[in-house]
N, C-alpha and C. Protein backbone atom coordinates (compact mmCIF):
# COMPACT_ATOMS: atom_id res chain seq x y z
N UNK A 1 83.50 47.18 -3.97
CA UNK A 1 84.39 46.06 -4.39
C UNK A 1 86.27 46.13 -4.07
N UNK A 2 86.31 47.14 -3.38
CA UNK A 2 88.25 47.60 -3.07
C UNK A 2 88.04 46.74 -2.21
N UNK A 3 87.87 46.75 -1.29
CA UNK A 3 88.06 46.33 -0.16
C UNK A 3 88.63 44.36 -0.62
N UNK A 4 87.25 44.15 -1.14
CA UNK A 4 87.48 42.28 -1.80
C UNK A 4 88.70 42.13 -2.47
N UNK A 5 88.57 42.76 -3.69
CA UNK A 5 89.53 42.79 -4.81
C UNK A 5 90.67 42.78 -3.64
N UNK A 6 91.21 43.24 -2.58
CA UNK A 6 92.37 43.40 -2.11
C UNK A 6 92.51 42.04 -1.37
N UNK A 7 91.45 41.55 -0.70
CA UNK A 7 91.12 40.14 -0.25
C UNK A 7 91.48 39.46 -1.11
N UNK A 8 90.30 39.40 -2.01
CA UNK A 8 90.77 37.95 -2.97
C UNK A 8 91.36 38.09 -4.20
N UNK A 9 91.79 39.74 -4.28
CA UNK A 9 92.46 39.77 -5.89
C UNK A 9 91.88 39.35 -6.69
N UNK A 10 91.27 40.89 -7.55
CA UNK A 10 90.38 41.14 -9.08
C UNK A 10 90.68 39.95 -9.77
N UNK A 11 92.02 40.11 -10.30
CA UNK A 11 92.58 39.48 -11.25
C UNK A 11 93.13 38.01 -11.27
N UNK A 12 92.69 37.87 -9.37
CA UNK A 12 93.48 36.11 -9.58
C UNK A 12 93.25 34.97 -10.39
N UNK A 13 94.48 34.60 -10.77
CA UNK A 13 94.37 33.09 -11.50
C UNK A 13 94.07 32.09 -10.24
N UNK A 14 93.23 30.78 -11.30
CA UNK A 14 93.94 29.43 -10.48
C UNK A 14 94.69 29.19 -11.07
N UNK A 15 95.75 28.05 -9.78
CA UNK A 15 96.85 27.24 -10.07
C UNK A 15 97.16 26.81 -11.38
N UNK A 16 98.10 27.17 -11.82
CA UNK A 16 98.32 26.14 -13.03
C UNK A 16 99.26 24.23 -12.70
N UNK A 17 99.51 24.47 -11.20
CA UNK A 17 100.31 23.72 -10.65
C UNK A 17 99.02 22.77 -9.79
N UNK A 18 97.91 22.90 -9.58
CA UNK A 18 97.08 22.03 -9.13
C UNK A 18 95.50 22.28 -9.75
N UNK A 19 95.18 21.36 -10.18
CA UNK A 19 94.00 21.06 -11.85
C UNK A 19 93.20 21.73 -10.86
N UNK A 20 92.02 22.74 -10.89
CA UNK A 20 90.43 22.55 -11.36
C UNK A 20 90.20 21.83 -10.89
N UNK A 21 89.26 21.78 -9.37
CA UNK A 21 87.54 20.62 -9.17
C UNK A 21 86.77 20.89 -9.94
N UNK A 22 86.69 19.54 -10.80
CA UNK A 22 85.27 20.14 -11.44
C UNK A 22 83.80 19.23 -11.23
N UNK A 23 84.26 18.33 -10.44
CA UNK A 23 83.21 17.07 -9.92
C UNK A 23 82.65 17.79 -8.93
N UNK A 24 81.98 18.29 -8.98
CA UNK A 24 80.45 18.40 -7.88
C UNK A 24 79.28 18.54 -8.11
N UNK A 25 78.57 18.26 -7.30
CA UNK A 25 77.01 18.79 -7.89
C UNK A 25 76.69 19.87 -7.31
N UNK A 26 75.57 20.42 -8.28
CA UNK A 26 74.67 21.65 -7.50
C UNK A 26 73.11 20.87 -6.63
N UNK A 27 73.51 20.79 -5.56
CA UNK A 27 72.25 20.60 -4.74
C UNK A 27 71.99 22.01 -4.25
N UNK A 28 70.60 21.35 -3.89
CA UNK A 28 69.84 22.78 -3.20
C UNK A 28 69.20 22.70 -1.68
N UNK A 29 70.30 21.36 -0.97
CA UNK A 29 69.66 21.36 0.03
C UNK A 29 71.07 22.10 0.51
N UNK A 30 70.90 22.26 2.48
CA UNK A 30 71.33 23.39 2.61
C UNK A 30 71.79 22.52 3.93
N UNK A 31 73.46 23.45 4.36
CA UNK A 31 74.26 22.49 5.12
C UNK A 31 73.63 22.53 6.89
N UNK A 32 74.36 22.13 7.56
CA UNK A 32 73.36 21.50 8.81
C UNK A 32 73.68 22.94 9.51
N UNK A 33 72.68 23.69 9.92
CA UNK A 33 72.83 24.86 10.84
C UNK A 33 73.86 24.80 11.58
N UNK A 34 73.92 23.54 12.42
CA UNK A 34 75.24 23.87 13.70
C UNK A 34 76.51 24.25 13.02
N UNK A 35 76.63 23.15 12.05
CA UNK A 35 77.92 23.22 10.92
C UNK A 35 78.19 24.52 10.60
N UNK A 36 77.28 25.54 10.14
CA UNK A 36 77.09 27.02 9.34
C UNK A 36 77.49 27.51 10.67
N UNK A 37 76.96 27.91 11.58
CA UNK A 37 76.49 28.97 12.58
C UNK A 37 78.26 28.53 13.35
N UNK A 38 79.10 27.34 13.54
CA UNK A 38 80.05 27.31 13.99
C UNK A 38 81.25 27.71 12.97
N UNK A 39 81.19 28.05 11.70
CA UNK A 39 82.06 28.51 10.64
C UNK A 39 82.23 29.90 11.06
N UNK A 40 80.52 30.56 10.76
CA UNK A 40 80.73 32.12 11.17
C UNK A 40 81.50 32.49 12.87
N UNK A 41 81.02 31.66 13.88
CA UNK A 41 81.69 31.89 15.06
C UNK A 41 83.28 31.59 14.89
N UNK A 42 83.61 31.20 14.08
CA UNK A 42 85.22 30.98 13.94
C UNK A 42 85.64 32.32 13.35
N UNK A 43 85.07 32.46 12.51
CA UNK A 43 85.34 33.00 11.86
C UNK A 43 85.64 35.02 12.53
N UNK A 44 84.51 35.16 13.13
CA UNK A 44 84.08 35.97 13.46
C UNK A 44 85.48 36.00 14.22
N UNK A 45 85.78 35.18 15.63
CA UNK A 45 86.25 35.00 16.96
C UNK A 45 87.82 35.25 16.15
N UNK A 46 88.19 34.74 15.06
CA UNK A 46 89.15 34.79 14.57
C UNK A 46 89.42 36.41 14.13
N UNK A 47 88.74 37.01 13.90
CA UNK A 47 88.76 38.22 13.09
C UNK A 47 88.88 38.93 14.15
N UNK A 48 88.36 39.10 15.50
CA UNK A 48 88.35 39.90 16.70
C UNK A 48 87.04 40.90 16.01
N UNK A 49 86.06 40.13 15.84
CA UNK A 49 84.94 41.13 15.96
C UNK A 49 85.07 41.99 14.37
N UNK A 50 86.12 42.14 13.46
CA UNK A 50 86.43 42.66 12.59
C UNK A 50 85.80 42.30 11.55
N UNK A 51 84.95 42.89 11.04
CA UNK A 51 84.04 42.35 9.85
C UNK A 51 85.07 42.30 8.49
N UNK A 52 85.75 43.05 7.97
CA UNK A 52 86.34 43.36 6.80
C UNK A 52 87.43 42.28 7.59
N UNK A 53 87.98 41.50 8.41
CA UNK A 53 89.14 40.67 8.31
C UNK A 53 88.04 39.02 8.49
N UNK A 54 86.98 39.37 9.43
CA UNK A 54 86.11 38.00 9.44
C UNK A 54 85.75 37.69 7.74
N UNK A 55 85.91 38.71 6.48
CA UNK A 55 86.20 38.14 4.91
C UNK A 55 86.79 37.21 4.75
N UNK A 56 88.13 38.05 5.19
CA UNK A 56 89.46 37.03 4.44
C UNK A 56 89.11 35.06 5.37
N UNK A 57 88.92 35.37 6.61
CA UNK A 57 88.47 34.20 7.82
C UNK A 57 88.10 33.76 7.09
N UNK A 58 86.84 33.89 6.78
CA UNK A 58 85.73 32.78 6.18
C UNK A 58 86.46 32.56 4.60
N UNK A 59 87.33 33.35 3.81
CA UNK A 59 87.60 32.29 2.60
C UNK A 59 88.86 31.12 2.84
N UNK A 60 89.21 31.27 4.01
CA UNK A 60 90.33 30.78 4.84
C UNK A 60 89.72 29.68 5.03
N UNK A 61 88.29 29.70 5.86
CA UNK A 61 87.49 28.24 6.30
C UNK A 61 87.14 27.75 5.73
N UNK A 62 86.87 28.12 4.73
CA UNK A 62 85.60 27.85 3.09
C UNK A 62 86.79 27.02 2.52
N UNK A 63 87.57 27.60 2.46
CA UNK A 63 88.81 26.27 1.47
C UNK A 63 88.97 24.88 2.09
N UNK A 64 89.04 25.08 2.95
CA UNK A 64 88.98 23.98 4.11
C UNK A 64 87.80 23.03 3.10
N UNK A 65 86.57 23.46 2.37
CA UNK A 65 85.46 22.56 2.52
C UNK A 65 85.93 22.55 0.74
N UNK A 66 85.12 21.09 0.79
CA UNK A 66 85.05 20.96 -0.85
C UNK A 66 83.73 21.60 -2.02
N UNK A 67 84.15 21.55 -2.79
CA UNK A 67 83.02 22.14 -3.57
C UNK A 67 81.57 21.81 -3.38
N UNK A 68 81.15 21.35 -3.02
CA UNK A 68 80.26 20.63 -2.96
C UNK A 68 79.18 21.19 -1.84
N UNK A 69 80.20 21.47 -0.28
CA UNK A 69 79.89 22.04 0.84
C UNK A 69 80.25 23.15 0.72
N UNK A 70 80.81 24.31 -0.16
CA UNK A 70 80.89 24.94 -0.23
C UNK A 70 79.01 25.99 -0.66
N UNK A 71 78.87 24.61 -1.97
CA UNK A 71 77.57 25.24 -1.84
C UNK A 71 76.73 25.02 -1.19
N UNK A 72 76.56 23.65 -0.70
CA UNK A 72 75.35 24.03 0.83
C UNK A 72 75.39 25.06 1.73
N UNK A 73 76.93 25.55 1.65
CA UNK A 73 77.18 26.73 2.91
C UNK A 73 76.71 28.07 2.32
N UNK A 74 76.76 27.94 0.88
CA UNK A 74 76.28 29.09 0.37
C UNK A 74 74.67 29.17 -0.07
N UNK A 75 74.11 28.14 -0.23
CA UNK A 75 72.63 27.70 0.20
C UNK A 75 71.84 28.11 1.42
N UNK A 76 72.79 27.89 2.29
CA UNK A 76 72.62 27.70 4.12
C UNK A 76 72.27 29.86 3.95
N UNK A 77 73.52 30.35 3.79
CA UNK A 77 73.63 31.72 3.57
C UNK A 77 72.06 32.47 3.10
N UNK A 78 72.06 32.16 2.06
CA UNK A 78 70.78 32.61 1.08
C UNK A 78 70.13 32.31 1.85
N UNK A 79 69.31 30.87 2.13
CA UNK A 79 68.44 30.68 3.31
C UNK A 79 68.56 31.53 4.78
N UNK A 80 69.15 32.39 5.17
CA UNK A 80 69.20 33.00 6.48
C UNK A 80 68.91 34.75 5.95
N UNK A 81 69.55 34.91 4.87
CA UNK A 81 69.71 36.19 4.33
C UNK A 81 67.88 36.65 3.83
N UNK A 82 67.57 35.32 3.06
CA UNK A 82 66.05 35.60 2.78
C UNK A 82 65.52 35.45 4.09
N UNK A 83 65.18 34.93 5.12
CA UNK A 83 64.66 34.94 6.36
C UNK A 83 64.75 36.33 7.04
N UNK A 84 65.96 37.16 6.83
CA UNK A 84 65.77 38.25 7.22
C UNK A 84 64.86 39.39 6.52
N UNK A 85 64.70 38.74 5.35
CA UNK A 85 63.87 39.65 4.68
C UNK A 85 62.68 40.28 4.82
N UNK A 86 62.27 40.84 6.08
CA UNK A 86 61.14 41.59 6.11
C UNK A 86 61.97 43.02 6.39
N UNK A 87 59.73 43.19 6.46
CA UNK A 87 59.89 45.00 6.65
C UNK A 87 60.09 45.45 7.66
N UNK A 88 60.11 44.62 9.08
CA UNK A 88 60.85 45.44 10.21
C UNK A 88 61.72 45.26 10.38
N UNK A 89 62.56 44.73 9.41
CA UNK A 89 64.12 44.74 9.82
C UNK A 89 64.66 45.99 9.02
N UNK A 90 63.63 45.76 7.79
CA UNK A 90 64.40 47.26 6.87
C UNK A 90 63.80 48.62 7.96
N UNK A 91 63.15 48.46 8.15
CA UNK A 91 62.69 49.69 8.99
C UNK A 91 63.38 49.90 9.62
N UNK A 92 63.90 48.96 10.83
CA UNK A 92 65.33 49.29 11.81
C UNK A 92 65.90 50.00 10.99
N UNK A 93 66.59 49.47 10.14
CA UNK A 93 68.12 49.93 9.19
C UNK A 93 67.82 51.34 8.76
N UNK A 94 66.87 51.60 8.41
CA UNK A 94 66.36 52.46 7.78
C UNK A 94 66.66 53.88 8.90
N UNK A 95 66.04 53.58 9.53
CA UNK A 95 66.12 54.53 10.89
C UNK A 95 67.47 54.90 11.40
N UNK A 96 68.08 53.45 11.50
CA UNK A 96 69.82 53.77 11.99
C UNK A 96 70.55 54.43 10.51
N UNK A 97 70.10 54.07 9.35
CA UNK A 97 70.87 54.42 8.28
C UNK A 97 70.51 56.45 7.89
N UNK A 98 69.62 56.16 8.04
CA UNK A 98 68.76 57.85 7.84
C UNK A 98 67.70 57.80 6.11
N UNK A 99 67.45 56.05 6.02
CA UNK A 99 67.30 55.53 4.80
C UNK A 99 68.05 54.37 4.00
N UNK A 100 67.45 54.12 3.20
CA UNK A 100 68.45 52.18 3.15
C UNK A 100 67.19 51.92 1.84
N UNK A 101 68.48 51.31 1.06
CA UNK A 101 67.76 51.35 -0.45
C UNK A 101 67.74 49.13 -0.42
N UNK A 102 67.80 48.85 -1.37
CA UNK A 102 67.51 47.27 -1.85
C UNK A 102 69.13 47.05 -1.46
N UNK A 103 70.52 47.57 -1.93
CA UNK A 103 71.78 47.28 -1.89
C UNK A 103 71.70 47.20 -0.15
N UNK A 104 71.52 48.28 0.35
CA UNK A 104 72.12 48.59 1.61
C UNK A 104 71.23 47.29 2.80
N UNK A 105 70.05 47.64 2.29
CA UNK A 105 68.85 46.22 3.07
C UNK A 105 69.53 44.75 2.60
N UNK A 106 70.21 44.59 1.23
CA UNK A 106 70.75 43.36 1.77
C UNK A 106 72.37 42.97 2.41
N UNK A 107 72.99 44.23 2.14
CA UNK A 107 74.46 44.08 2.68
C UNK A 107 74.04 44.21 4.04
N UNK A 108 72.77 44.88 4.74
CA UNK A 108 72.94 44.77 6.11
C UNK A 108 72.51 43.34 6.90
N UNK A 109 71.57 42.66 6.23
CA UNK A 109 71.28 40.78 6.11
C UNK A 109 72.47 40.26 6.25
N UNK A 110 73.50 40.44 5.21
CA UNK A 110 74.46 39.62 5.58
C UNK A 110 75.46 39.75 6.35
N UNK A 111 75.52 41.10 6.90
CA UNK A 111 76.29 41.79 8.34
C UNK A 111 75.49 41.13 9.69
N UNK A 112 74.17 40.86 9.41
CA UNK A 112 73.34 40.20 10.77
C UNK A 112 74.05 38.91 10.78
N UNK A 113 74.12 38.33 9.82
CA UNK A 113 74.76 36.80 9.70
C UNK A 113 75.67 36.85 10.11
N UNK A 114 76.55 37.80 9.97
CA UNK A 114 78.08 37.53 9.99
C UNK A 114 78.56 37.61 11.41
N UNK A 115 77.30 38.54 12.50
CA UNK A 115 77.33 38.84 13.67
C UNK A 115 77.51 37.70 14.63
N UNK A 116 76.67 36.09 13.91
CA UNK A 116 76.49 35.20 14.35
C UNK A 116 75.15 35.10 14.62
N UNK A 117 75.20 33.50 15.57
CA UNK A 117 73.10 33.41 15.22
C UNK A 117 72.73 33.57 16.54
N UNK A 118 73.11 34.21 17.47
CA UNK A 118 72.09 34.36 18.56
C UNK A 118 72.18 35.66 18.38
N UNK A 119 72.89 36.69 17.59
CA UNK A 119 72.82 38.20 17.39
C UNK A 119 71.57 38.05 15.75
N UNK A 120 71.89 36.78 15.53
CA UNK A 120 71.28 36.97 13.99
C UNK A 120 69.31 36.40 15.00
N UNK A 121 69.31 35.25 15.07
CA UNK A 121 67.79 35.39 15.42
C UNK A 121 67.20 36.47 16.34
N UNK A 122 68.00 37.14 17.58
CA UNK A 122 67.68 38.01 18.75
C UNK A 122 67.21 39.71 17.25
N UNK A 123 67.51 39.57 16.13
CA UNK A 123 67.73 40.64 15.33
C UNK A 123 66.56 40.48 14.34
N UNK A 124 66.12 39.43 14.03
CA UNK A 124 65.24 39.16 13.66
C UNK A 124 63.87 39.12 13.89
N UNK A 125 63.91 38.30 15.39
CA UNK A 125 62.74 38.38 16.18
C UNK A 125 62.21 39.97 16.50
N UNK A 126 63.45 41.03 17.24
CA UNK A 126 62.90 41.72 17.54
C UNK A 126 63.88 42.87 16.73
N UNK A 127 63.99 43.59 15.85
CA UNK A 127 64.36 44.58 15.06
C UNK A 127 65.34 45.65 15.97
N UNK A 128 64.44 46.10 16.87
CA UNK A 128 64.96 47.11 18.32
C UNK A 128 66.09 47.11 18.82
N UNK A 129 66.15 45.83 19.29
CA UNK A 129 67.25 45.15 19.76
C UNK A 129 68.10 45.68 19.28
N UNK A 130 68.66 46.53 17.99
CA UNK A 130 69.96 47.15 17.54
C UNK A 130 70.00 48.25 17.82
N UNK A 131 69.25 48.80 19.42
CA UNK A 131 69.43 50.20 19.98
C UNK A 131 70.74 49.72 20.50
N UNK A 132 70.80 47.96 21.01
CA UNK A 132 72.05 48.19 21.90
C UNK A 132 72.99 48.19 21.26
N UNK A 133 73.52 47.82 19.87
CA UNK A 133 74.81 47.96 19.29
C UNK A 133 75.74 49.62 19.38
N UNK A 134 76.86 49.50 19.26
CA UNK A 134 77.94 50.78 19.45
C UNK A 134 77.16 51.38 18.26
N UNK A 135 76.53 52.34 18.51
CA UNK A 135 76.98 53.96 17.13
C UNK A 135 77.66 53.44 16.06
N UNK A 136 78.40 53.84 16.68
CA UNK A 136 80.41 53.94 16.01
C UNK A 136 79.75 52.80 14.76
N UNK A 137 79.91 51.34 15.66
CA UNK A 137 79.77 49.71 15.24
C UNK A 137 78.97 50.13 13.87
N UNK A 138 77.63 50.52 14.58
CA UNK A 138 76.94 49.77 13.32
C UNK A 138 76.29 50.82 12.31
N UNK A 139 76.94 51.84 12.23
CA UNK A 139 76.70 53.13 11.85
C UNK A 139 78.20 53.31 10.29
N UNK A 140 79.63 52.94 11.13
CA UNK A 140 80.70 52.90 10.20
C UNK A 140 80.86 51.92 9.73
N UNK A 141 80.64 50.49 9.91
CA UNK A 141 81.29 49.07 9.22
C UNK A 141 80.77 49.44 7.31
N UNK A 142 81.84 48.99 6.60
CA UNK A 142 81.70 48.80 5.39
C UNK A 142 80.75 47.06 5.43
N UNK A 143 79.49 47.02 5.06
CA UNK A 143 78.78 45.75 5.21
C UNK A 143 78.78 44.88 3.52
N UNK A 144 79.23 45.93 2.81
CA UNK A 144 79.83 44.74 1.60
C UNK A 144 80.22 43.99 1.62
N UNK A 145 80.57 42.30 0.90
CA UNK A 145 81.65 41.86 0.99
C UNK A 145 81.04 40.24 0.95
N UNK A 146 80.92 40.06 2.71
CA UNK A 146 80.49 38.79 3.17
C UNK A 146 79.64 37.57 2.35
N UNK A 147 78.75 38.21 1.19
CA UNK A 147 78.28 37.33 0.34
C UNK A 147 78.44 36.99 -0.58
N UNK A 148 79.64 37.56 -0.89
CA UNK A 148 80.58 36.86 -2.20
C UNK A 148 82.00 36.24 -1.75
N UNK A 149 81.69 35.74 -0.96
CA UNK A 149 82.81 35.14 -0.40
C UNK A 149 83.10 33.80 -0.90
N UNK A 150 81.63 33.02 -0.47
CA UNK A 150 81.78 31.58 -0.70
C UNK A 150 81.75 31.34 -2.25
N UNK A 151 81.32 31.90 -3.55
CA UNK A 151 81.24 32.33 -4.97
C UNK A 151 82.71 32.22 -5.46
N UNK A 152 83.72 32.91 -4.51
CA UNK A 152 85.20 33.62 -5.16
C UNK A 152 85.87 32.52 -4.89
N UNK A 153 85.61 31.84 -3.45
CA UNK A 153 86.40 30.64 -3.25
C UNK A 153 86.19 29.63 -3.74
N UNK A 154 84.74 29.38 -4.50
CA UNK A 154 84.10 28.18 -5.03
C UNK A 154 84.79 28.47 -6.47
N UNK A 155 85.19 29.87 -7.24
CA UNK A 155 85.44 29.65 -8.58
C UNK A 155 87.22 29.38 -8.27
N UNK A 156 87.56 29.89 -7.25
CA UNK A 156 89.23 30.06 -6.97
C UNK A 156 89.86 28.38 -7.13
N UNK A 157 88.80 27.58 -6.74
CA UNK A 157 88.92 25.75 -6.36
C UNK A 157 88.57 25.07 -7.70
N UNK A 158 87.48 25.70 -8.32
CA UNK A 158 86.81 24.88 -9.18
C UNK A 158 87.42 25.50 -10.77
N UNK A 159 87.16 27.11 -10.98
CA UNK A 159 87.57 27.38 -12.34
C UNK A 159 86.42 27.84 -12.94
N UNK A 160 85.43 27.63 -11.89
CA UNK A 160 84.15 27.48 -12.41
C UNK A 160 82.80 28.25 -11.55
N UNK A 161 82.07 29.19 -11.88
CA UNK A 161 80.95 29.83 -11.40
C UNK A 161 80.61 28.76 -10.23
N UNK A 162 79.90 29.30 -9.36
CA UNK A 162 79.53 28.65 -7.98
C UNK A 162 78.10 28.68 -8.69
N UNK A 163 77.62 27.64 -8.34
CA UNK A 163 75.68 27.36 -9.15
C UNK A 163 74.70 27.62 -7.73
N UNK A 164 73.62 28.36 -8.47
CA UNK A 164 72.46 29.04 -7.13
C UNK A 164 71.56 28.09 -7.20
N UNK A 165 71.55 26.80 -6.79
CA UNK A 165 70.66 26.05 -7.27
C UNK A 165 69.33 26.01 -5.94
N UNK A 166 69.89 27.18 -4.98
CA UNK A 166 68.29 27.36 -3.71
C UNK A 166 67.99 28.58 -4.00
N UNK A 167 66.16 28.21 -3.96
CA UNK A 167 65.71 29.16 -4.33
C UNK A 167 65.65 30.32 -2.89
N UNK A 168 66.18 31.60 -3.09
CA UNK A 168 66.30 32.56 -2.04
C UNK A 168 64.84 33.02 -1.37
N UNK A 169 64.55 33.52 -0.11
CA UNK A 169 62.99 34.03 -0.84
C UNK A 169 63.65 35.45 -0.50
N UNK A 170 63.08 36.09 -2.21
CA UNK A 170 63.30 37.52 -2.39
C UNK A 170 61.67 38.41 -2.40
N UNK A 171 60.70 37.76 -1.46
CA UNK A 171 59.53 39.08 -1.12
C UNK A 171 59.96 39.25 0.01
N UNK A 172 59.63 40.03 0.55
CA UNK A 172 59.92 41.45 1.65
C UNK A 172 58.65 40.58 2.74
N UNK A 173 58.69 40.56 3.38
CA UNK A 173 57.24 39.83 4.07
C UNK A 173 56.94 40.96 5.71
N UNK A 174 55.88 40.85 6.18
CA UNK A 174 55.82 41.62 7.28
C UNK A 174 54.70 42.75 6.96
N UNK A 175 54.72 43.37 8.11
CA UNK A 175 54.10 45.00 8.52
C UNK A 175 54.79 45.87 7.16
N UNK A 176 54.73 46.44 6.15
CA UNK A 176 55.21 47.06 5.07
C UNK A 176 54.71 48.79 5.25
N UNK A 177 55.37 49.27 5.42
CA UNK A 177 55.49 50.52 6.34
C UNK A 177 55.29 51.32 5.05
N UNK A 178 55.62 53.02 5.24
CA UNK A 178 55.72 53.80 4.26
C UNK A 178 56.42 54.94 4.68
N UNK A 179 57.17 54.81 3.46
CA UNK A 179 58.41 56.33 3.97
C UNK A 179 57.72 57.45 4.00
N UNK A 180 58.01 58.19 5.10
CA UNK A 180 57.72 59.81 5.43
C UNK A 180 56.27 59.73 6.54
N UNK A 181 55.77 58.78 6.50
CA UNK A 181 54.39 58.23 7.89
C UNK A 181 55.51 57.96 9.22
N UNK A 182 54.64 58.10 10.09
CA UNK A 182 55.38 57.91 11.36
C UNK A 182 55.13 57.02 12.34
N UNK A 183 54.79 55.48 11.36
CA UNK A 183 54.93 54.26 11.34
C UNK A 183 56.21 54.16 12.27
N UNK A 184 57.24 54.09 11.58
CA UNK A 184 58.27 53.76 11.83
C UNK A 184 58.35 53.99 13.40
N UNK A 185 58.25 55.37 13.46
CA UNK A 185 58.35 56.25 15.12
C UNK A 185 57.45 55.25 15.94
N UNK A 186 56.57 54.58 15.32
CA UNK A 186 55.53 54.12 16.54
C UNK A 186 56.33 52.43 17.12
N UNK A 187 56.31 51.89 15.37
CA UNK A 187 57.11 50.43 15.31
C UNK A 187 58.67 50.51 16.07
N UNK A 188 59.28 51.54 16.24
CA UNK A 188 61.01 51.61 16.99
C UNK A 188 61.01 52.68 17.69
N UNK A 189 60.48 53.14 18.98
CA UNK A 189 60.26 53.93 19.57
C UNK A 189 61.94 54.48 19.92
N UNK A 190 62.71 53.15 20.21
CA UNK A 190 63.73 53.19 21.39
C UNK A 190 64.82 53.64 20.07
N UNK A 191 64.77 53.20 18.98
CA UNK A 191 65.88 53.44 18.09
C UNK A 191 64.98 54.89 17.31
N UNK A 192 63.98 55.23 17.03
CA UNK A 192 64.08 56.22 17.28
C UNK A 192 64.73 57.68 17.89
N UNK A 193 63.93 56.93 19.34
CA UNK A 193 64.57 58.07 19.78
C UNK A 193 66.52 58.31 20.03
N UNK A 194 67.18 57.41 20.13
CA UNK A 194 68.79 57.28 19.33
C UNK A 194 69.37 57.71 18.47
N UNK A 195 68.50 57.56 17.20
CA UNK A 195 68.61 58.23 15.94
C UNK A 195 67.57 59.60 15.42
N UNK A 196 67.18 60.50 16.36
CA UNK A 196 66.33 61.43 16.21
C UNK A 196 66.20 61.66 14.67
N UNK A 197 67.25 62.23 14.29
CA UNK A 197 67.67 63.10 12.83
C UNK A 197 67.23 61.95 11.59
N UNK A 198 67.00 60.77 12.10
CA UNK A 198 67.22 60.16 10.69
C UNK A 198 65.67 59.56 10.54
N UNK A 199 64.76 60.15 11.35
CA UNK A 199 63.01 59.68 11.16
C UNK A 199 62.63 60.89 10.79
């Protein structure tokens, strides 16, 4: 959380000159998909692909929205994170990382969202397309942080914790592989060849 605190300030207080916004609706509706991806693409473009900078850019974009819209954005973000919660994607990440626990997989799915619509859908539909990503980029990036941004900006604007009315899909679906088996090598031969010491 060091970078996140640097970006947003771990002890940041609500401004005393501008009263916090307290009138909002905790809806479980989703932000329009086009609008969501436009925001993601804008932040990625402004950050020139720098994932850490993208978190700061996202905070700036969300500050332009109303609290209601931030909730809708957060709902849509969790929708996409849940949609990506598959054993197939987890297996691909496991090969790349040489192991991947719950937190690692959560952060990875958020990073995939941050890469934009085309990358997101290509990745969740065929996780082995991750073989096309440069190893330095996919292995070295600190993926933690993007998912915290909506709640942090919401608290900054309203002085209250962000509600989470949308129920994210928490169950991992798809073909459940077993650690230590040859299943991942068979599922992802290209990734296994690129990262042979990790499987």
